[in-house]
PDB file of N, CA and C in Angstrom:
ATOM      1  N   MET A   1      -8.734   9.752   7.266  1.00  0.00           N
ATOM      2  CA  MET A   1      -7.603  10.289   7.977  1.00  0.00           C
ATOM      3  C   MET A   1      -6.996  11.465   7.199  1.00  0.00           C
ATOM      4  N   CYS A   2      -6.812  11.270   5.929  1.00  0.00           N
ATOM      5  CA  CYS A   2      -6.213  12.307   5.088  1.00  0.00           C
ATOM      6  C   CYS A   2      -7.084  13.560   5.080  1.00  0.00           C
ATOM      7  N   ASP A   3      -8.381  13.370   5.035  1.00  0.00           N
ATOM      8  CA  ASP A   3      -9.285  14.518   4.997  1.00  0.00           C
ATOM      9  C   ASP A   3      -9.188  15.345   6.276  1.00  0.00           C
ATOM     10  N   LYS A   4      -9.034  14.666   7.417  1.00  0.00           N
ATOM     11  CA  LYS A   4      -8.907  15.387   8.686  1.00  0.00           C
ATOM     12  C   LYS A   4      -7.624  16.212   8.717  1.00  0.00           C
ATOM     13  N   LEU A   5      -6.558  15.654   8.163  1.00  0.00           N
ATOM     14  CA  LEU A   5      -5.298  16.397   8.117  1.00  0.00           C
ATOM     15  C   LEU A   5      -5.416  17.620   7.217  1.00  0.00           C
ATOM     16  N   ILE A   6      -6.073  17.445   6.083  1.00  0.00           N
ATOM     17  CA  ILE A   6      -6.261  18.574   5.165  1.00  0.00           C
ATOM     18  C   ILE A   6      -7.142  19.640   5.818  1.00  0.00           C
ATOM     19  N   GLU A   7      -8.184  19.202   6.525  1.00  0.00           N
ATOM     20  CA  GLU A   7      -9.049  20.158   7.220  1.00  0.00           C
ATOM     21  C   GLU A   7      -8.260  20.944   8.261  1.00  0.00           C
ATOM     22  N   ALA A   8      -7.356  20.277   8.954  1.00  0.00           N
ATOM     23  CA  ALA A   8      -6.530  20.964   9.949  1.00  0.00           C
ATOM     24  C   ALA A   8      -5.616  21.985   9.277  1.00  0.00           C
ATOM     25  N   LEU A   9      -5.068  21.623   8.125  1.00  0.00           N
ATOM     26  CA  LEU A   9      -4.213  22.566   7.400  1.00  0.00           C
ATOM     27  C   LEU A   9      -5.001  23.777   6.916  1.00  0.00           C
ATOM     28  N   GLU A  10      -6.269  23.559   6.563  1.00  0.00           N
ATOM     29  CA  GLU A  10      -7.104  24.664   6.091  1.00  0.00           C
ATOM     30  C   GLU A  10      -7.307  25.718   7.176  1.00  0.00           C
ATOM     31  N   GLN A  11      -7.214  25.311   8.431  1.00  0.00           N
ATOM     32  CA  GLN A  11      -7.417  26.233   9.551  1.00  0.00           C
ATOM     33  C   GLN A  11      -6.190  27.100   9.817  1.00  0.00           C
ATOM     34  N   ARG A  12      -5.066  26.731   9.270  1.00  0.00           N
ATOM     35  CA  ARG A  12      -3.819  27.467   9.512  1.00  0.00           C
ATOM     36  C   ARG A  12      -3.723  28.681   8.593  1.00  0.00           C
ATOM     37  N   ALA A  13      -3.247  29.779   9.143  1.00  0.00           N
ATOM     38  CA  ALA A  13      -3.153  31.029   8.387  1.00  0.00           C
ATOM     39  C   ALA A  13      -2.087  30.967   7.298  1.00  0.00           C
ATOM     40  N   PHE A  14      -1.061  30.156   7.501  1.00  0.00           N
ATOM     41  CA  PHE A  14       0.043  30.130   6.535  1.00  0.00           C
ATOM     42  C   PHE A  14      -0.264  29.289   5.300  1.00  0.00           C
ATOM     43  N   MET A  15      -1.360  28.567   5.294  1.00  0.00           N
ATOM     44  CA  MET A  15      -1.739  27.742   4.143  1.00  0.00           C
ATOM     45  C   MET A  15      -2.673  28.551   3.244  1.00  0.00           C
ATOM     46  N   THR A  16      -2.263  28.741   2.014  1.00  0.00           N
ATOM     47  CA  THR A  16      -3.108  29.472   1.067  1.00  0.00           C
ATOM     48  C   THR A  16      -4.088  28.507   0.402  1.00  0.00           C
ATOM     49  N   GLU A  17      -5.075  29.061  -0.257  1.00  0.00           N
ATOM     50  CA  GLU A  17      -6.044  28.234  -0.977  1.00  0.00           C
ATOM     51  C   GLU A  17      -5.341  27.430  -2.068  1.00  0.00           C
ATOM     52  N   GLN A  18      -4.343  28.046  -2.672  1.00  0.00           N
ATOM     53  CA  GLN A  18      -3.573  27.365  -3.714  1.00  0.00           C
ATOM     54  C   GLN A  18      -2.824  26.156  -3.134  1.00  0.00           C
ATOM     55  N   ASP A  19      -2.269  26.318  -1.924  1.00  0.00           N
ATOM     56  CA  ASP A  19      -1.580  25.207  -1.260  1.00  0.00           C
ATOM     57  C   ASP A  19      -2.547  24.052  -0.995  1.00  0.00           C
ATOM     58  N   ILE A  20      -3.725  24.392  -0.503  1.00  0.00           N
ATOM     59  CA  ILE A  20      -4.734  23.373  -0.189  1.00  0.00           C
ATOM     60  C   ILE A  20      -5.164  22.646  -1.457  1.00  0.00           C
ATOM     61  N   MET A  21      -5.368  23.378  -2.540  1.00  0.00           N
ATOM     62  CA  MET A  21      -5.766  22.746  -3.801  1.00  0.00           C
ATOM     63  C   MET A  21      -4.670  21.809  -4.301  1.00  0.00           C
ATOM     64  N   ALA A  22      -3.418  22.195  -4.128  1.00  0.00           N
ATOM     65  CA  ALA A  22      -2.305  21.329  -4.534  1.00  0.00           C
ATOM     66  C   ALA A  22      -2.317  20.036  -3.726  1.00  0.00           C
ATOM     67  N   ILE A  23      -2.627  20.137  -2.441  1.00  0.00           N
ATOM     68  CA  ILE A  23      -2.694  18.943  -1.587  1.00  0.00           C
ATOM     69  C   ILE A  23      -3.828  18.035  -2.045  1.00  0.00           C
ATOM     70  N   TYR A  24      -4.989  18.618  -2.354  1.00  0.00           N
ATOM     71  CA  TYR A  24      -6.112  17.814  -2.847  1.00  0.00           C
ATOM     72  C   TYR A  24      -5.758  17.113  -4.161  1.00  0.00           C
ATOM     73  N   LYS A  25      -5.036  17.792  -5.037  1.00  0.00           N
ATOM     74  CA  LYS A  25      -4.631  17.174  -6.307  1.00  0.00           C
ATOM     75  C   LYS A  25      -3.694  16.001  -6.068  1.00  0.00           C
ATOM     76  N   ILE A  26      -2.770  16.165  -5.130  1.00  0.00           N
ATOM     77  CA  ILE A  26      -1.854  15.068  -4.788  1.00  0.00           C
ATOM     78  C   ILE A  26      -2.642  13.894  -4.225  1.00  0.00           C
ATOM     79  N   LYS A  27      -3.597  14.189  -3.354  1.00  0.00           N
ATOM     80  CA  LYS A  27      -4.429  13.131  -2.769  1.00  0.00           C
ATOM     81  C   LYS A  27      -5.165  12.359  -3.864  1.00  0.00           C
ATOM     82  N   GLU A  28      -5.757  13.064  -4.807  1.00  0.00           N
ATOM     83  CA  GLU A  28      -6.491  12.406  -5.886  1.00  0.00           C
ATOM     84  C   GLU A  28      -5.567  11.543  -6.741  1.00  0.00           C
ATOM     85  N   LYS A  29      -4.370  12.034  -7.021  1.00  0.00           N
ATOM     86  CA  LYS A  29      -3.405  11.242  -7.792  1.00  0.00           C
ATOM     87  C   LYS A  29      -3.062   9.952  -7.064  1.00  0.00           C
ATOM     88  N   LEU A  30      -2.826  10.066  -5.759  1.00  0.00           N
ATOM     89  CA  LEU A  30      -2.481   8.882  -4.974  1.00  0.00           C
ATOM     90  C   LEU A  30      -3.632   7.883  -4.935  1.00  0.00           C
ATOM     91  N   LEU A  31      -4.848   8.385  -4.817  1.00  0.00           N
ATOM     92  CA  LEU A  31      -6.006   7.489  -4.803  1.00  0.00           C
ATOM     93  C   LEU A  31      -6.179   6.776  -6.138  1.00  0.00           C
ATOM     94  N   GLN A  32      -5.845   7.443  -7.230  1.00  0.00           N
ATOM     95  CA  GLN A  32      -5.945   6.819  -8.549  1.00  0.00           C
ATOM     96  C   GLN A  32      -4.843   5.790  -8.755  1.00  0.00           C
ATOM     97  N   GLU A  33      -3.672   6.018  -8.177  1.00  0.00           N
ATOM     98  CA  GLU A  33      -2.540   5.109  -8.341  1.00  0.00           C
ATOM     99  C   GLU A  33      -2.641   3.886  -7.439  1.00  0.00           C
ATOM    100  N   ARG A  34      -3.356   3.983  -6.347  1.00  0.00           N
ATOM    101  CA  ARG A  34      -3.415   2.896  -5.370  1.00  0.00           C
ATOM    102  C   ARG A  34      -3.787   1.551  -5.990  1.00  0.00           C
ATOM    103  N   PRO A  35      -4.818   1.463  -6.830  1.00  0.00           N
ATOM    104  CA  PRO A  35      -5.150   0.152  -7.409  1.00  0.00           C
ATOM    105  C   PRO A  35      -4.009  -0.442  -8.229  1.00  0.00           C
ATOM    106  N   ARG A  36      -3.239   0.384  -8.875  1.00  0.00           N
ATOM    107  CA  ARG A  36      -2.112  -0.128  -9.654  1.00  0.00           C
ATOM    108  C   ARG A  36      -0.996  -0.618  -8.750  1.00  0.00           C
ATOM    109  N   LEU A  37      -0.824   0.047  -7.606  1.00  0.00           N
ATOM    110  CA  LEU A  37       0.284  -0.289  -6.724  1.00  0.00           C
ATOM    111  C   LEU A  37      -0.021  -1.492  -5.836  1.00  0.00           C
ATOM    112  N   THR A  38      -1.264  -1.656  -5.482  1.00  0.00           N
ATOM    113  CA  THR A  38      -1.636  -2.789  -4.637  1.00  0.00           C
ATOM    114  C   THR A  38      -2.327  -3.830  -5.495  1.00  0.00           C
ATOM    115  N   ARG A  39      -1.885  -5.042  -5.362  1.00  0.00           N
ATOM    116  CA  ARG A  39      -2.460  -6.121  -6.152  1.00  0.00           C
ATOM    117  C   ARG A  39      -2.905  -7.208  -5.196  1.00  0.00           C
ATOM    118  N   GLN A  40      -4.150  -7.621  -5.316  1.00  0.00           N
ATOM    119  CA  GLN A  40      -4.635  -8.690  -4.463  1.00  0.00           C
ATOM    120  C   GLN A  40      -4.110 -10.012  -4.979  1.00  0.00           C
ATOM    121  N   ILE A  41      -3.695 -10.840  -4.052  1.00  0.00           N
ATOM    122  CA  ILE A  41      -3.219 -12.166  -4.416  1.00  0.00           C
ATOM    123  C   ILE A  41      -4.434 -13.093  -4.492  1.00  0.00           C
ATOM    124  N   THR A  42      -4.457 -13.940  -5.494  1.00  0.00           N
ATOM    125  CA  THR A  42      -5.570 -14.874  -5.620  1.00  0.00           C
ATOM    126  C   THR A  42      -5.361 -16.030  -4.652  1.00  0.00           C
ATOM    127  N   LEU A  43      -6.420 -16.742  -4.387  1.00  0.00           N
ATOM    128  CA  LEU A  43      -6.352 -17.865  -3.465  1.00  0.00           C
ATOM    129  C   LEU A  43      -5.400 -18.934  -3.978  1.00  0.00           C
ATOM    130  N   SER A  44      -5.432 -19.197  -5.277  1.00  0.00           N
ATOM    131  CA  SER A  44      -4.532 -20.209  -5.835  1.00  0.00           C
ATOM    132  C   SER A  44      -3.077 -19.772  -5.712  1.00  0.00           C
ATOM    133  N   GLU A  45      -2.807 -18.469  -5.887  1.00  0.00           N
ATOM    134  CA  GLU A  45      -1.442 -17.976  -5.705  1.00  0.00           C
ATOM    135  C   GLU A  45      -1.000 -18.120  -4.257  1.00  0.00           C
ATOM    136  N   ALA A  46      -1.913 -17.872  -3.335  1.00  0.00           N
ATOM    137  CA  ALA A  46      -1.582 -18.001  -1.914  1.00  0.00           C
ATOM    138  C   ALA A  46      -1.230 -19.445  -1.577  1.00  0.00           C
ATOM    139  N   PHE A  47      -2.024 -20.396  -2.076  1.00  0.00           N
ATOM    140  CA  PHE A  47      -1.726 -21.808  -1.827  1.00  0.00           C
ATOM    141  C   PHE A  47      -0.412 -22.217  -2.486  1.00  0.00           C
ATOM    142  N   LYS A  48      -0.172 -21.735  -3.694  1.00  0.00           N
ATOM    143  CA  LYS A  48       1.068 -22.060  -4.397  1.00  0.00           C
ATOM    144  C   LYS A  48       2.272 -21.534  -3.616  1.00  0.00           C
ATOM    145  N   ASN A  49       2.192 -20.280  -3.165  1.00  0.00           N
ATOM    146  CA  ASN A  49       3.284 -19.695  -2.391  1.00  0.00           C
ATOM    147  C   ASN A  49       3.510 -20.451  -1.089  1.00  0.00           C
ATOM    148  N   ALA A  50       2.436 -20.815  -0.417  1.00  0.00           N
ATOM    149  CA  ALA A  50       2.562 -21.548   0.839  1.00  0.00           C
ATOM    150  C   ALA A  50       3.179 -22.919   0.604  1.00  0.00           C
ATOM    151  N   THR A  51       2.771 -23.588  -0.471  1.00  0.00           N
ATOM    152  CA  THR A  51       3.313 -24.906  -0.801  1.00  0.00           C
ATOM    153  C   THR A  51       4.797 -24.811  -1.129  1.00  0.00           C
ATOM    154  N   GLU A  52       5.171 -23.822  -1.926  1.00  0.00           N
ATOM    155  CA  GLU A  52       6.580 -23.647  -2.284  1.00  0.00           C
ATOM    156  C   GLU A  52       7.424 -23.319  -1.057  1.00  0.00           C
ATOM    157  N   GLN A  53       6.893 -22.475  -0.198  1.00  0.00           N
ATOM    158  CA  GLN A  53       7.634 -22.106   1.005  1.00  0.00           C
ATOM    159  C   GLN A  53       7.784 -23.313   1.929  1.00  0.00           C
ATOM    160  N   ARG A  54       6.740 -24.084   2.048  1.00  0.00           N
ATOM    161  CA  ARG A  54       6.787 -25.273   2.905  1.00  0.00           C
ATOM    162  C   ARG A  54       7.777 -26.289   2.339  1.00  0.00           C
ATOM    163  N   ALA A  55       7.778 -26.460   1.025  1.00  0.00           N
ATOM    164  CA  ALA A  55       8.694 -27.400   0.390  1.00  0.00           C
ATOM    165  C   ALA A  55      10.141 -26.958   0.584  1.00  0.00           C
ATOM    166  N   SER A  56      10.390 -25.668   0.477  1.00  0.00           N
ATOM    167  CA  SER A  56      11.769 -25.190   0.633  1.00  0.00           C
ATOM    168  C   SER A  56      12.234 -25.303   2.077  1.00  0.00           C
ATOM    169  N   THR A  57      11.352 -25.082   3.038  1.00  0.00           N
ATOM    170  CA  THR A  57      11.769 -25.201   4.437  1.00  0.00           C
ATOM    171  C   THR A  57      11.949 -26.653   4.839  1.00  0.00           C
ATOM    172  N   SER A  58      11.138 -27.561   4.291  1.00  0.00           N
ATOM    173  CA  SER A  58      11.313 -28.976   4.621  1.00  0.00           C
ATOM    174  C   SER A  58      12.549 -29.534   3.936  1.00  0.00           C
ATOM    175  N   ALA A  59      12.897 -29.025   2.753  1.00  0.00           N
ATOM    176  CA  ALA A  59      14.106 -29.470   2.059  1.00  0.00           C
ATOM    177  C   ALA A  59      15.351 -29.006   2.806  1.00  0.00           C
ATOM    178  N   GLU A  60      15.287 -27.856   3.441  1.00  0.00           N
ATOM    179  CA  GLU A  60      16.426 -27.355   4.206  1.00  0.00           C
ATOM    180  C   GLU A  60      16.662 -28.197   5.449  1.00  0.00           C
ATOM    181  N   GLY A  61      15.606 -28.777   5.982  1.00  0.00           N
ATOM    182  CA  GLY A  61      15.722 -29.556   7.209  1.00  0.00           C
ATOM    183  C   GLY A  61      16.193 -30.980   6.991  1.00  0.00           C
ATOM    184  N   GLU A  62      16.241 -31.458   5.739  1.00  0.00           N
ATOM    185  CA  GLU A  62      16.662 -32.832   5.461  1.00  0.00           C
ATOM    186  C   GLU A  62      18.170 -32.962   5.606  1.00  0.00           C
ATOM    187  N   PRO A  63      18.639 -34.039   6.241  1.00  0.00           N
ATOM    188  CA  PRO A  63      20.084 -34.243   6.369  1.00  0.00           C
ATOM    189  C   PRO A  63      20.677 -34.667   5.029  1.00  0.00           C
ATOM    190  N   ASP A  64      21.922 -34.255   4.787  1.00  0.00           N
ATOM    191  CA  ASP A  64      22.614 -34.635   3.561  1.00  0.00           C
ATOM    192  C   ASP A  64      23.092 -36.072   3.678  1.00  0.00           C
ATOM    193  N   ASN A  65      22.948 -36.869   2.598  1.00  0.00           N
ATOM    194  CA  ASN A  65      23.408 -38.264   2.603  1.00  0.00           C
ATOM    195  C   ASN A  65      24.720 -38.374   1.930  1.00  0.00           C
TER     196      ASN A  65
END
């Protein structure tokens, strides 16, 4: 998707080669940062989170004695 947008910008007269190169540099930086920003949750973490969430919602539903 990003490449198509950059290609479209390349067709415009107001975009200089320097502008396009700056966009490519930004794209590369973002692609390098993506693994740091997105973290996959492990299966055990998913089960732990689901268990904790279920326990908290069932505790909220219990009547006070």
